[in-house]
C-alpha atoms as a PDB file:
ATOM      1  CA  MET A   1     -88.827 108.036 299.972  1.00  0.00           C
ATOM      2  CA  LYS A   2     -90.363 109.732 296.956  1.00  0.00           C
ATOM      3  CA  ARG A   3     -87.830 108.035 294.696  1.00  0.00           C
ATOM      4  CA  LEU A   4     -88.705 104.632 296.268  1.00  0.00           C
ATOM      5  CA  TRP A   5     -92.413 105.113 295.579  1.00  0.00           C
ATOM      6  CA  CYS A   6     -91.648 106.151 291.991  1.00  0.00           C
ATOM      7  CA  MET A   7     -89.620 102.992 291.528  1.00  0.00           C
ATOM      8  CA  ILE A   8     -92.393 100.813 293.026  1.00  0.00           C
ATOM      9  CA  GLU A   9     -94.879 102.500 290.709  1.00  0.00           C
ATOM     10  CA  ARG A  10     -92.605 101.892 287.718  1.00  0.00           C
ATOM     11  CA  TYR A  11     -92.240  98.148 288.435  1.00  0.00           C
ATOM     12  CA  TYR A  12     -95.695  97.717 289.960  1.00  0.00           C
ATOM     13  CA  PRO A  13     -96.884  94.925 287.568  1.00  0.00           C
ATOM     14  CA  TRP A  14     -93.829  92.753 288.284  1.00  0.00           C
ATOM     15  CA  LEU A  15     -94.033  93.290 292.043  1.00  0.00           C
ATOM     16  CA  LEU A  16     -97.738  92.520 291.967  1.00  0.00           C
ATOM     17  CA  LEU A  17     -97.025  89.289 290.057  1.00  0.00           C
ATOM     18  CA  LEU A  18     -94.402  88.294 292.625  1.00  0.00           C
ATOM     19  CA  LEU A  19     -96.842  89.021 295.458  1.00  0.00           C
ATOM     20  CA  GLY A  20     -99.495  86.912 293.708  1.00  0.00           C
ATOM     21  CA  VAL A  21     -97.104  83.966 293.354  1.00  0.00           C
ATOM     22  CA  ASP A  22     -96.132  84.303 297.014  1.00  0.00           C
ATOM     23  CA  CYS A  23     -99.800  84.304 298.111  1.00  0.00           C
ATOM     24  CA  PHE A  24    -100.578  81.352 295.823  1.00  0.00           C
ATOM     25  CA  CYS A  25     -97.799  79.289 297.380  1.00  0.00           C
ATOM     26  CA  ALA A  26     -99.007  80.209 300.874  1.00  0.00           C
ATOM     27  CA  ILE A  27    -102.566  79.116 299.989  1.00  0.00           C
ATOM     28  CA  ILE A  28    -101.327  75.787 298.574  1.00  0.00           C
ATOM     29  CA  LEU A  29     -99.368  75.191 301.795  1.00  0.00           C
ATOM     30  CA  TRP A  30    -102.432  76.087 303.889  1.00  0.00           C
ATOM     31  CA  ILE A  31    -104.645  73.659 301.906  1.00  0.00           C
ATOM     32  CA  SER A  32    -102.046  70.897 302.072  1.00  0.00           C
ATOM     33  CA  ASP A  33    -101.287  71.096 305.780  1.00  0.00           C
ATOM     34  CA  ILE A  34    -102.912  73.681 308.048  1.00  0.00           C
ATOM     35  CA  GLN A  35    -100.690  72.805 311.005  1.00  0.00           C
ATOM     36  CA  ALA A  36     -97.528  73.156 308.889  1.00  0.00           C
ATOM     37  CA  PHE A  37     -98.837  76.447 307.524  1.00  0.00           C
ATOM     38  CA  GLN A  38     -99.414  77.797 311.038  1.00  0.00           C
ATOM     39  CA  THR A  39     -95.911  76.699 312.040  1.00  0.00           C
ATOM     40  CA  LEU A  40     -94.208  78.176 308.987  1.00  0.00           C
ATOM     41  CA  SER A  41     -96.369  81.312 308.564  1.00  0.00           C
ATOM     42  CA  GLY A  42     -93.828  83.523 310.349  1.00  0.00           C
ATOM     43  CA  LEU A  43     -91.000  82.144 308.210  1.00  0.00           C
ATOM     44  CA  VAL A  44     -93.113  82.651 305.058  1.00  0.00           C
ATOM     45  CA  VAL A  45     -93.756  86.319 305.946  1.00  0.00           C
ATOM     46  CA  LEU A  46     -90.094  86.917 306.821  1.00  0.00           C
ATOM     47  CA  THR A  47     -88.939  85.243 303.610  1.00  0.00           C
ATOM     48  CA  SER A  48     -91.395  87.336 301.593  1.00  0.00           C
ATOM     49  CA  LEU A  49     -90.142  90.578 303.200  1.00  0.00           C
ATOM     50  CA  LEU A  50     -86.525  89.631 302.582  1.00  0.00           C
ATOM     51  CA  LEU A  51     -87.322  88.736 298.993  1.00  0.00           C
ATOM     52  CA  PHE A  52     -89.121  92.057 298.407  1.00  0.00           C
ATOM     53  CA  SER A  53     -86.256  93.962 300.047  1.00  0.00           C
ATOM     54  CA  ALA A  54     -83.686  92.203 297.864  1.00  0.00           C
ATOM     55  CA  ILE A  55     -85.709  92.912 294.730  1.00  0.00           C
ATOM     56  CA  LEU A  56     -86.135  96.588 295.652  1.00  0.00           C
ATOM     57  CA  PHE A  57     -82.399  96.868 296.356  1.00  0.00           C
ATOM     58  CA  VAL A  58     -81.525  95.398 292.952  1.00  0.00           C
ATOM     59  CA  LEU A  59     -84.068  97.607 291.206  1.00  0.00           C
ATOM     60  CA  ASN A  60     -82.800 100.697 293.040  1.00  0.00           C
ATOM     61  CA  LYS A  61     -79.204  99.942 292.066  1.00  0.00           C
ATOM     62  CA  ARG A  62     -80.238  99.386 288.475  1.00  0.00           C
ATOM     63  CA  GLU A  63     -82.199 102.643 288.426  1.00  0.00           C
ATOM     64  CA  THR A  64     -79.249 104.543 289.930  1.00  0.00           C
ATOM     65  CA  THR A  65     -76.950 103.142 287.251  1.00  0.00           C
ATOM     66  CA  ARG A  66     -79.415 104.158 284.535  1.00  0.00           C
ATOM     67  CA  ARG A  67     -79.619 107.694 285.892  1.00  0.00           C
ATOM     68  CA  GLU A  68     -75.832 108.046 286.056  1.00  0.00           C
ATOM     69  CA  LEU A  69     -75.432 106.729 282.516  1.00  0.00           C
ATOM     70  CA  PHE A  70     -78.126 109.091 281.284  1.00  0.00           C
ATOM     71  CA  ARG A  71     -76.436 112.086 282.972  1.00  0.00           C
ATOM     72  CA  ASP A  72     -73.093 111.085 281.431  1.00  0.00           C
ATOM     73  CA  PHE A  73     -74.772 110.843 278.045  1.00  0.00           C
ATOM     74  CA  LEU A  74     -76.412 114.277 278.330  1.00  0.00           C
ATOM     75  CA  SER A  75     -73.186 115.958 279.458  1.00  0.00           C
ATOM     76  CA  ASP A  76     -71.132 114.272 276.728  1.00  0.00           C
ATOM     77  CA  PRO A  77     -73.243 112.570 274.026  1.00  0.00           C
ATOM     78  CA  THR A  78     -70.433 110.497 272.529  1.00  0.00           C
ATOM     79  CA  ILE A  79     -70.934 107.100 270.871  1.00  0.00           C
ATOM     80  CA  CYS A  80     -69.281 105.393 273.853  1.00  0.00           C
ATOM     81  CA  ASN A  81     -71.686 106.976 276.371  1.00  0.00           C
ATOM     82  CA  GLU A  82     -74.611 106.253 274.064  1.00  0.00           C
ATOM     83  CA  GLU A  83     -73.731 102.540 273.844  1.00  0.00           C
ATOM     84  CA  ARG A  84     -73.293 102.307 277.626  1.00  0.00           C
ATOM     85  CA  LEU A  85     -76.735 103.819 278.144  1.00  0.00           C
ATOM     86  CA  LEU A  86     -78.367 101.601 275.506  1.00  0.00           C
ATOM     87  CA  SER A  87     -77.015  98.500 277.253  1.00  0.00           C
ATOM     88  CA  ALA A  88     -78.867  99.488 280.439  1.00  0.00           C
ATOM     89  CA  ILE A  89     -82.314 100.277 278.987  1.00  0.00           C
ATOM     90  CA  SER A  90     -85.030  98.523 277.053  1.00  0.00           C
ATOM     91  CA  ARG A  91     -85.245  98.359 273.256  1.00  0.00           C
ATOM     92  CA  GLU A  92     -88.222 100.750 273.169  1.00  0.00           C
ATOM     93  CA  GLU A  93     -86.339 103.313 275.222  1.00  0.00           C
ATOM     94  CA  GLY A  94     -83.286 102.773 273.022  1.00  0.00           C
ATOM     95  CA  GLU A  95     -85.080 104.172 269.971  1.00  0.00           C
ATOM     96  CA  SER A  96     -85.779 107.409 271.824  1.00  0.00           C
ATOM     97  CA  ILE A  97     -82.182 107.595 273.036  1.00  0.00           C
ATOM     98  CA  ARG A  98     -80.847 107.168 269.484  1.00  0.00           C
ATOM     99  CA  LEU A  99     -83.100 109.972 268.264  1.00  0.00           C
ATOM    100  CA  LEU A 100     -81.983 112.180 271.164  1.00  0.00           C
ATOM    101  CA  ALA A 101     -78.335 111.352 270.425  1.00  0.00           C
ATOM    102  CA  SER A 102     -78.655 112.460 266.800  1.00  0.00           C
ATOM    103  CA  VAL A 103     -80.272 115.758 267.869  1.00  0.00           C
ATOM    104  CA  LEU A 104     -77.608 116.415 270.520  1.00  0.00           C
ATOM    105  CA  GLN A 105     -74.784 115.638 268.091  1.00  0.00           C
ATOM    106  CA  GLU A 106     -76.276 118.028 265.540  1.00  0.00           C
ATOM    107  CA  HIS A 107     -76.569 120.812 268.108  1.00  0.00           C
ATOM    108  CA  LYS A 108     -73.044 120.133 269.383  1.00  0.00           C
ATOM    109  CA  THR A 109     -71.659 120.400 265.838  1.00  0.00           C
ATOM    110  CA  GLU A 110     -73.492 123.688 265.267  1.00  0.00           C
ATOM    111  CA  SER A 111     -72.316 125.017 268.628  1.00  0.00           C
ATOM    112  CA  ASN A 112     -68.686 124.130 267.878  1.00  0.00           C
ATOM    113  CA  SER A 113     -68.936 125.786 264.462  1.00  0.00           C
ATOM    114  CA  MET A 114     -70.377 128.952 265.987  1.00  0.00           C
ATOM    115  CA  ALA A 115     -67.691 128.971 268.697  1.00  0.00           C
ATOM    116  CA  ASP A 116     -64.934 128.629 266.082  1.00  0.00           C
ATOM    117  CA  ALA A 117     -66.455 131.386 263.958  1.00  0.00           C
ATOM    118  CA  LEU A 118     -66.784 133.660 266.987  1.00  0.00           C
ATOM    119  CA  GLN A 119     -63.179 133.009 268.016  1.00  0.00           C
ATOM    120  CA  ASP A 120     -61.978 133.785 264.480  1.00  0.00           C
ATOM    121  CA  TYR A 121     -63.986 137.014 264.477  1.00  0.00           C
ATOM    122  CA  GLU A 122     -62.639 138.064 267.877  1.00  0.00           C
ATOM    123  CA  GLU A 123     -59.078 137.344 266.776  1.00  0.00           C
ATOM    124  CA  TYR A 124     -59.646 139.404 263.623  1.00  0.00           C
ATOM    125  CA  VAL A 125     -61.048 142.346 265.582  1.00  0.00           C
ATOM    126  CA  GLU A 126     -58.207 142.219 268.116  1.00  0.00           C
ATOM    127  CA  GLY A 127     -55.679 141.984 265.296  1.00  0.00           C
ATOM    128  CA  TRP A 128     -57.280 144.960 263.563  1.00  0.00           C
ATOM    129  CA  ALA A 129     -57.148 146.972 266.786  1.00  0.00           C
ATOM    130  CA  HIS A 130     -53.430 146.253 267.170  1.00  0.00           C
ATOM    131  CA  GLU A 131     -52.771 147.111 263.522  1.00  0.00           C
ATOM    132  CA  ALA A 132     -54.722 150.368 263.872  1.00  0.00           C
ATOM    133  CA  LYS A 133     -52.281 151.519 266.535  1.00  0.00           C
ATOM    134  CA  THR A 134     -49.562 151.905 263.875  1.00  0.00           C
ATOM    135  CA  PRO A 135     -51.275 154.674 261.838  1.00  0.00           C
ATOM    136  CA  LEU A 136     -52.376 156.275 265.102  1.00  0.00           C
ATOM    137  CA  SER A 137     -48.760 156.401 266.216  1.00  0.00           C
ATOM    138  CA  LEU A 138     -47.773 157.959 262.877  1.00  0.00           C
ATOM    139  CA  LEU A 139     -50.545 160.522 263.218  1.00  0.00           C
ATOM    140  CA  THR A 140     -49.353 161.363 266.736  1.00  0.00           C
ATOM    141  CA  MET A 141     -45.774 161.734 265.466  1.00  0.00           C
ATOM    142  CA  LEU A 142     -46.985 163.976 262.653  1.00  0.00           C
ATOM    143  CA  LEU A 143     -48.905 166.207 265.028  1.00  0.00           C
ATOM    144  CA  ASP A 144     -45.913 166.434 267.371  1.00  0.00           C
ATOM    145  CA  ASN A 145     -43.212 167.083 264.777  1.00  0.00           C
ATOM    146  CA  ARG A 146     -45.022 168.955 262.003  1.00  0.00           C
ATOM    147  CA  SER A 147     -47.452 171.067 263.982  1.00  0.00           C
ATOM    148  CA  ASN A 148     -45.766 174.301 262.752  1.00  0.00           C
ATOM    149  CA  GLU A 149     -46.630 173.340 259.161  1.00  0.00           C
ATOM    150  CA  MET A 150     -50.363 173.104 259.907  1.00  0.00           C
ATOM    151  CA  SER A 151     -52.920 175.755 260.556  1.00  0.00           C
ATOM    152  CA  PRO A 152     -54.266 175.741 264.139  1.00  0.00           C
ATOM    153  CA  PRO A 153     -57.814 174.728 263.045  1.00  0.00           C
ATOM    154  CA  LEU A 154     -56.459 171.775 261.018  1.00  0.00           C
ATOM    155  CA  GLN A 155     -54.185 170.682 263.852  1.00  0.00           C
ATOM    156  CA  ALA A 156     -57.081 170.843 266.312  1.00  0.00           C
ATOM    157  CA  LYS A 157     -59.310 168.735 264.047  1.00  0.00           C
ATOM    158  CA  LEU A 158     -56.609 166.107 263.461  1.00  0.00           C
ATOM    159  CA  ASP A 159     -55.887 165.969 267.189  1.00  0.00           C
ATOM    160  CA  TYR A 160     -59.589 165.533 267.859  1.00  0.00           C
ATOM    161  CA  VAL A 161     -59.831 162.668 265.356  1.00  0.00           C
ATOM    162  CA  ARG A 162     -56.717 161.019 266.803  1.00  0.00           C
ATOM    163  CA  SER A 163     -58.154 161.147 270.326  1.00  0.00           C
ATOM    164  CA  GLN A 164     -61.463 159.640 269.220  1.00  0.00           C
ATOM    165  CA  LEU A 165     -59.760 156.813 267.323  1.00  0.00           C
ATOM    166  CA  GLN A 166     -57.370 156.162 270.205  1.00  0.00           C
ATOM    167  CA  GLU A 167     -60.291 155.861 272.619  1.00  0.00           C
ATOM    168  CA  ASP A 168     -62.147 153.411 270.352  1.00  0.00           C
ATOM    169  CA  VAL A 169     -59.064 151.224 269.866  1.00  0.00           C
ATOM    170  CA  THR A 170     -58.255 151.258 273.583  1.00  0.00           C
ATOM    171  CA  GLN A 171     -61.835 150.319 274.433  1.00  0.00           C
ATOM    172  CA  MET A 172     -61.704 147.418 271.986  1.00  0.00           C
ATOM    173  CA  LEU A 173     -58.419 146.090 273.369  1.00  0.00           C
ATOM    174  CA  TYR A 174     -59.596 146.304 276.978  1.00  0.00           C
ATOM    175  CA  TYR A 175     -62.807 144.510 276.059  1.00  0.00           C
ATOM    176  CA  ALA A 176     -60.680 141.639 274.748  1.00  0.00           C
ATOM    177  CA  ARG A 177     -58.466 141.810 277.836  1.00  0.00           C
ATOM    178  CA  LEU A 178     -61.435 141.521 280.190  1.00  0.00           C
ATOM    179  CA  LYS A 179     -62.664 138.416 278.368  1.00  0.00           C
ATOM    180  CA  SER A 180     -59.253 136.754 278.498  1.00  0.00           C
ATOM    181  CA  SER A 181     -58.783 133.816 280.867  1.00  0.00           C
ATOM    182  CA  THR A 182     -55.371 135.141 281.958  1.00  0.00           C
ATOM    183  CA  LYS A 183     -54.961 138.633 283.419  1.00  0.00           C
ATOM    184  CA  ASP A 184     -51.710 140.574 283.732  1.00  0.00           C
ATOM    185  CA  TYR A 185     -52.717 143.005 286.463  1.00  0.00           C
ATOM    186  CA  GLN A 186     -49.935 144.508 288.571  1.00  0.00           C
ATOM    187  CA  PHE A 187     -51.205 145.734 291.922  1.00  0.00           C
ATOM    188  CA  LYS A 188     -49.161 148.397 293.665  1.00  0.00           C
ATOM    189  CA  ASP A 189     -49.513 151.833 295.256  1.00  0.00           C
ATOM    190  CA  ILE A 190     -50.649 154.328 292.617  1.00  0.00           C
ATOM    191  CA  ASN A 191     -50.479 158.118 292.907  1.00  0.00           C
ATOM    192  CA  LEU A 192     -53.962 159.241 291.883  1.00  0.00           C
ATOM    193  CA  ASN A 193     -52.871 162.683 290.725  1.00  0.00           C
ATOM    194  CA  ASP A 194     -50.262 161.244 288.358  1.00  0.00           C
ATOM    195  CA  CYS A 195     -52.714 158.652 287.079  1.00  0.00           C
ATOM    196  CA  LEU A 196     -55.456 161.235 286.513  1.00  0.00           C
ATOM    197  CA  GLY A 197     -53.012 163.649 284.858  1.00  0.00           C
ATOM    198  CA  GLU A 198     -52.110 161.102 282.185  1.00  0.00           C
ATOM    199  CA  VAL A 199     -55.788 160.421 281.491  1.00  0.00           C
ATOM    200  CA  LEU A 200     -56.629 164.119 281.175  1.00  0.00           C
ATOM    201  CA  GLU A 201     -53.636 164.583 278.880  1.00  0.00           C
ATOM    202  CA  ASP A 202     -54.892 161.815 276.587  1.00  0.00           C
ATOM    203  CA  TYR A 203     -58.324 163.443 276.415  1.00  0.00           C
ATOM    204  CA  ALA A 204     -57.007 167.024 276.249  1.00  0.00           C
ATOM    205  CA  PRO A 205     -58.117 167.666 272.614  1.00  0.00           C
ATOM    206  CA  LEU A 206     -61.666 166.514 273.360  1.00  0.00           C
ATOM    207  CA  LEU A 207     -61.804 168.460 276.628  1.00  0.00           C
ATOM    208  CA  GLU A 208     -60.484 171.593 274.928  1.00  0.00           C
ATOM    209  CA  GLU A 209     -62.968 171.198 272.080  1.00  0.00           C
ATOM    210  CA  LYS A 210     -65.844 171.254 274.585  1.00  0.00           C
ATOM    211  CA  GLN A 211     -64.078 173.920 276.717  1.00  0.00           C
ATOM    212  CA  PHE A 212     -64.199 171.867 279.895  1.00  0.00           C
ATOM    213  CA  VAL A 213     -63.316 173.367 283.257  1.00  0.00           C
ATOM    214  CA  ILE A 214     -61.411 170.791 285.339  1.00  0.00           C
ATOM    215  CA  ILE A 215     -61.566 171.081 289.125  1.00  0.00           C
ATOM    216  CA  ASN A 216     -59.047 168.685 290.641  1.00  0.00           C
ATOM    217  CA  LYS A 217     -59.337 168.492 294.439  1.00  0.00           C
ATOM    218  CA  LEU A 218     -56.925 165.604 294.828  1.00  0.00           C
ATOM    219  CA  GLN A 219     -53.863 166.040 297.026  1.00  0.00           C
ATOM    220  CA  SER A 220     -51.177 163.343 297.085  1.00  0.00           C
ATOM    221  CA  GLU A 221     -53.460 160.369 297.688  1.00  0.00           C
ATOM    222  CA  THR A 222     -52.358 156.881 296.751  1.00  0.00           C
ATOM    223  CA  VAL A 223     -54.447 153.759 296.209  1.00  0.00           C
ATOM    224  CA  TYR A 224     -53.455 150.115 295.863  1.00  0.00           C
ATOM    225  CA  THR A 225     -54.618 148.836 292.471  1.00  0.00           C
ATOM    226  CA  ASP A 226     -53.586 148.150 288.867  1.00  0.00           C
ATOM    227  CA  ARG A 227     -52.477 151.369 287.152  1.00  0.00           C
ATOM    228  CA  ARG A 228     -53.562 150.547 283.602  1.00  0.00           C
ATOM    229  CA  GLY A 229     -56.922 149.227 284.748  1.00  0.00           C
ATOM    230  CA  LEU A 230     -57.621 152.348 286.805  1.00  0.00           C
ATOM    231  CA  GLN A 231     -56.541 154.622 283.958  1.00  0.00           C
ATOM    232  CA  PHE A 232     -58.883 152.801 281.617  1.00  0.00           C
ATOM    233  CA  MET A 233     -61.782 153.255 284.054  1.00  0.00           C
ATOM    234  CA  LEU A 234     -61.048 156.958 284.510  1.00  0.00           C
ATOM    235  CA  GLY A 235     -60.687 157.391 280.758  1.00  0.00           C
ATOM    236  CA  GLN A 236     -64.105 155.884 280.084  1.00  0.00           C
ATOM    237  CA  ILE A 237     -65.681 158.040 282.806  1.00  0.00           C
ATOM    238  CA  VAL A 238     -64.077 161.204 281.356  1.00  0.00           C
ATOM    239  CA  SER A 239     -65.176 160.154 277.856  1.00  0.00           C
ATOM    240  CA  ASN A 240     -68.713 159.699 279.133  1.00  0.00           C
ATOM    241  CA  ALA A 241     -68.663 163.201 280.636  1.00  0.00           C
ATOM    242  CA  ILE A 242     -67.475 164.645 277.312  1.00  0.00           C
ATOM    243  CA  LYS A 243     -70.185 162.900 275.294  1.00  0.00           C
ATOM    244  CA  TYR A 244     -73.026 164.116 277.502  1.00  0.00           C
ATOM    245  CA  SER A 245     -71.695 167.534 278.498  1.00  0.00           C
ATOM    246  CA  SER A 246     -73.685 170.710 279.048  1.00  0.00           C
ATOM    247  CA  ASP A 247     -73.128 174.137 277.485  1.00  0.00           C
ATOM    248  CA  SER A 248     -70.649 175.145 280.193  1.00  0.00           C
ATOM    249  CA  PRO A 249     -69.054 171.792 281.017  1.00  0.00           C
ATOM    250  CA  MET A 250     -67.269 171.163 284.274  1.00  0.00           C
ATOM    251  CA  LEU A 251     -65.540 168.085 285.688  1.00  0.00           C
ATOM    252  CA  THR A 252     -64.825 167.765 289.413  1.00  0.00           C
ATOM    253  CA  ILE A 253     -62.544 165.111 290.890  1.00  0.00           C
ATOM    254  CA  SER A 254     -62.313 164.640 294.652  1.00  0.00           C
ATOM    255  CA  MET A 255     -61.638 162.024 297.306  1.00  0.00           C
ATOM    256  CA  ILE A 256     -62.871 161.350 300.809  1.00  0.00           C
ATOM    257  CA  HIS A 257     -61.475 158.851 303.308  1.00  0.00           C
ATOM    258  CA  SER A 258     -63.294 156.519 305.658  1.00  0.00           C
ATOM    259  CA  GLU A 259     -62.227 153.720 307.963  1.00  0.00           C
ATOM    260  CA  ILE A 260     -62.981 151.010 305.426  1.00  0.00           C
ATOM    261  CA  ALA A 261     -62.339 152.660 302.044  1.00  0.00           C
ATOM    262  CA  ASP A 262     -60.905 155.560 300.074  1.00  0.00           C
ATOM    263  CA  VAL A 263     -63.696 156.987 297.937  1.00  0.00           C
ATOM    264  CA  LEU A 264     -62.865 158.666 294.623  1.00  0.00           C
ATOM    265  CA  SER A 265     -65.600 160.825 293.110  1.00  0.00           C
ATOM    266  CA  VAL A 266     -65.748 161.990 289.473  1.00  0.00           C
ATOM    267  CA  GLU A 267     -68.641 164.364 288.843  1.00  0.00           C
ATOM    268  CA  ASP A 268     -69.756 166.389 285.820  1.00  0.00           C
ATOM    269  CA  ASN A 269     -72.572 168.872 285.222  1.00  0.00           C
ATOM    270  CA  GLY A 270     -73.849 167.272 282.029  1.00  0.00           C
ATOM    271  CA  ILE A 271     -77.318 166.122 281.017  1.00  0.00           C
ATOM    272  CA  GLY A 272     -77.267 163.227 283.474  1.00  0.00           C
ATOM    273  CA  VAL A 273     -79.360 160.077 283.448  1.00  0.00           C
ATOM    274  CA  LYS A 274     -83.061 159.696 284.090  1.00  0.00           C
ATOM    275  CA  LYS A 275     -84.006 158.020 287.358  1.00  0.00           C
ATOM    276  CA  TYR A 276     -85.572 154.946 285.755  1.00  0.00           C
ATOM    277  CA  ASP A 277     -82.456 154.374 283.606  1.00  0.00           C
ATOM    278  CA  LEU A 278     -79.906 154.691 286.424  1.00  0.00           C
ATOM    279  CA  PRO A 279     -80.084 151.037 287.659  1.00  0.00           C
ATOM    280  CA  TYR A 280     -79.178 149.764 284.171  1.00  0.00           C
ATOM    281  CA  ILE A 281     -76.294 152.035 283.108  1.00  0.00           C
ATOM    282  CA  PHE A 282     -73.667 149.332 283.722  1.00  0.00           C
ATOM    283  CA  GLN A 283     -75.453 146.767 281.560  1.00  0.00           C
ATOM    284  CA  LYS A 284     -73.918 145.892 278.205  1.00  0.00           C
ATOM    285  CA  GLY A 285     -75.477 147.817 275.312  1.00  0.00           C
ATOM    286  CA  PHE A 286     -77.796 149.924 277.466  1.00  0.00           C
ATOM    287  CA  THR A 287     -78.064 153.513 276.191  1.00  0.00           C
ATOM    288  CA  GLY A 288     -81.072 154.729 278.127  1.00  0.00           C
ATOM    289  CA  ASP A 289     -83.599 157.273 276.970  1.00  0.00           C
ATOM    290  CA  SER A 290     -82.903 157.939 273.298  1.00  0.00           C
ATOM    291  CA  THR A 291     -82.192 161.657 273.478  1.00  0.00           C
ATOM    292  CA  ASP A 292     -80.196 163.390 270.749  1.00  0.00           C
ATOM    293  CA  SER A 293     -76.971 162.986 272.749  1.00  0.00           C
ATOM    294  CA  ARG A 294     -77.416 159.209 272.974  1.00  0.00           C
ATOM    295  CA  LYS A 295     -78.409 158.397 269.402  1.00  0.00           C
ATOM    296  CA  LYS A 296     -74.851 157.297 268.565  1.00  0.00           C
ATOM    297  CA  ALA A 297     -74.077 155.743 271.945  1.00  0.00           C
ATOM    298  CA  THR A 298     -72.914 152.113 272.045  1.00  0.00           C
ATOM    299  CA  GLY A 299     -73.670 151.386 275.689  1.00  0.00           C
ATOM    300  CA  ILE A 300     -70.289 149.702 276.124  1.00  0.00           C
ATOM    301  CA  GLY A 301     -68.174 152.271 278.024  1.00  0.00           C
ATOM    302  CA  LEU A 302     -69.731 152.057 281.493  1.00  0.00           C
ATOM    303  CA  TYR A 303     -70.231 148.310 281.045  1.00  0.00           C
ATOM    304  CA  LEU A 304     -66.449 147.949 280.634  1.00  0.00           C
ATOM    305  CA  VAL A 305     -65.875 150.224 283.622  1.00  0.00           C
ATOM    306  CA  LYS A 306     -68.011 147.910 285.751  1.00  0.00           C
ATOM    307  CA  LYS A 307     -66.287 144.784 284.450  1.00  0.00           C
ATOM    308  CA  MET A 308     -62.863 146.280 285.144  1.00  0.00           C
ATOM    309  CA  ALA A 309     -63.961 147.358 288.637  1.00  0.00           C
ATOM    310  CA  ASP A 310     -65.105 143.798 289.364  1.00  0.00           C
ATOM    311  CA  ASP A 311     -61.747 142.460 288.165  1.00  0.00           C
ATOM    312  CA  LEU A 312     -59.880 144.895 290.413  1.00  0.00           C
ATOM    313  CA  ASN A 313     -62.186 144.222 293.391  1.00  0.00           C
ATOM    314  CA  LEU A 314     -63.489 147.805 293.391  1.00  0.00           C
ATOM    315  CA  ARG A 315     -67.062 148.905 294.041  1.00  0.00           C
ATOM    316  CA  LEU A 316     -68.909 151.446 291.909  1.00  0.00           C
ATOM    317  CA  GLU A 317     -71.861 153.668 292.653  1.00  0.00           C
ATOM    318  CA  ALA A 318     -73.578 156.185 290.389  1.00  0.00           C
ATOM    319  CA  ALA A 319     -75.904 159.102 291.069  1.00  0.00           C
ATOM    320  CA  SER A 320     -77.563 161.476 288.644  1.00  0.00           C
ATOM    321  CA  PRO A 321     -80.354 164.012 289.038  1.00  0.00           C
ATOM    322  CA  TRP A 322     -81.732 164.463 285.505  1.00  0.00           C
ATOM    323  CA  GLU A 323     -80.180 167.418 283.641  1.00  0.00           C
ATOM    324  CA  LYS A 324     -78.082 168.288 286.700  1.00  0.00           C
ATOM    325  CA  GLY A 325     -75.007 166.164 286.169  1.00  0.00           C
ATOM    326  CA  PHE A 326     -73.663 162.672 286.608  1.00  0.00           C
ATOM    327  CA  LYS A 327     -71.455 161.278 289.373  1.00  0.00           C
ATOM    328  CA  ILE A 328     -69.516 158.042 289.621  1.00  0.00           C
ATOM    329  CA  VAL A 329     -67.932 156.965 292.884  1.00  0.00           C
ATOM    330  CA  ILE A 330     -65.146 154.366 293.094  1.00  0.00           C
ATOM    331  CA  PHE A 331     -64.534 152.634 296.431  1.00  0.00           C
ATOM    332  CA  PHE A 332     -60.958 151.475 297.073  1.00  0.00           C
ATOM    333  CA  PRO A 333     -60.991 149.093 300.061  1.00  0.00           C
ATOM    334  CA  LYS A 334     -58.324 149.721 302.652  1.00  0.00           C
ATOM    335  CA  LEU A 335     -55.891 146.877 303.195  1.00  0.00           C
ATOM    336  CA  LYS A 336     -55.408 145.553 306.698  1.00  0.00           C
ATOM    337  CA  SER A 337     -51.927 145.646 308.103  1.00  0.00           C
ATOM    338  CA  ASN A 338     -50.190 142.643 309.699  1.00  0.00           C
ATOM    339  CA  GLY A 339     -52.148 141.171 312.528  1.00  0.00           C
ATOM    340  CA  GLY A 340     -55.419 142.482 311.105  1.00  0.00           C
ATOM    341  CA  LYS A 341     -55.048 145.841 312.878  1.00  0.00           C
END
């Protein structure tokens, strides 16, 4: 109804002219023959209504066509869509459309250039990350095979550097993986203890450097998920605990079971997160209160954990009393057996 009134308002002068002509003809008929006018008055009114209805129908169809052509032009401002729209509007409106078309084409060209540049940059970064794995592998081989030729302090420092570089490269590659349109996840039953053991082994130099005490309360629990994705999540959580550890660091891993989910808890006794920062820790680039421990933070680790959890259909929760530790909980939904039982 609102659209009808807008259309009547738009074409008001022409409708008013038509109504005036109709009234003029009725007056001429009345002056010429009053009896004929009285006889034909009903037919005159009916004809006028039908004429107005036909005009409104044509105008409505024309307006609908104009709107569709305009939407097509905005979604894809090609020359073809521009010409189709120009053929359905007035010359005055055409000048505005041509100006709009030039602006849209300019913005589209800039957008395509930026997209190409961004894709090139991403491909370069991903390529660099893959290339960086070669010297890391050589460094790992050197530490494994020539450790007896190095002093313990030197070996510890090189192992520490290797672990840091490995974490950065892994984080970069998983960031690219999460943005990819195709995912190669392999869901199956995963032994949590085995999965956690590999993660702790990868971070052993960093954990030993900070003299972490690991309390593993896991038994032989299994969860249904992607192994590499879960290991990446656990790795980022352990890395986060290392970065913000206390003087006597401790890491506790446990699991509880409920009817709807298996709940894995990873808790440290580090500096924690302030209450007003806690709702934002999974946002990209968020580093929270700029304490000394967070001056070099990137704010990407927990963001990637959240993105990976979303991809694997897992739910995350975090809790942290300030300066009393940090806890992340991962909910693994239980699968229903056949028949929904």
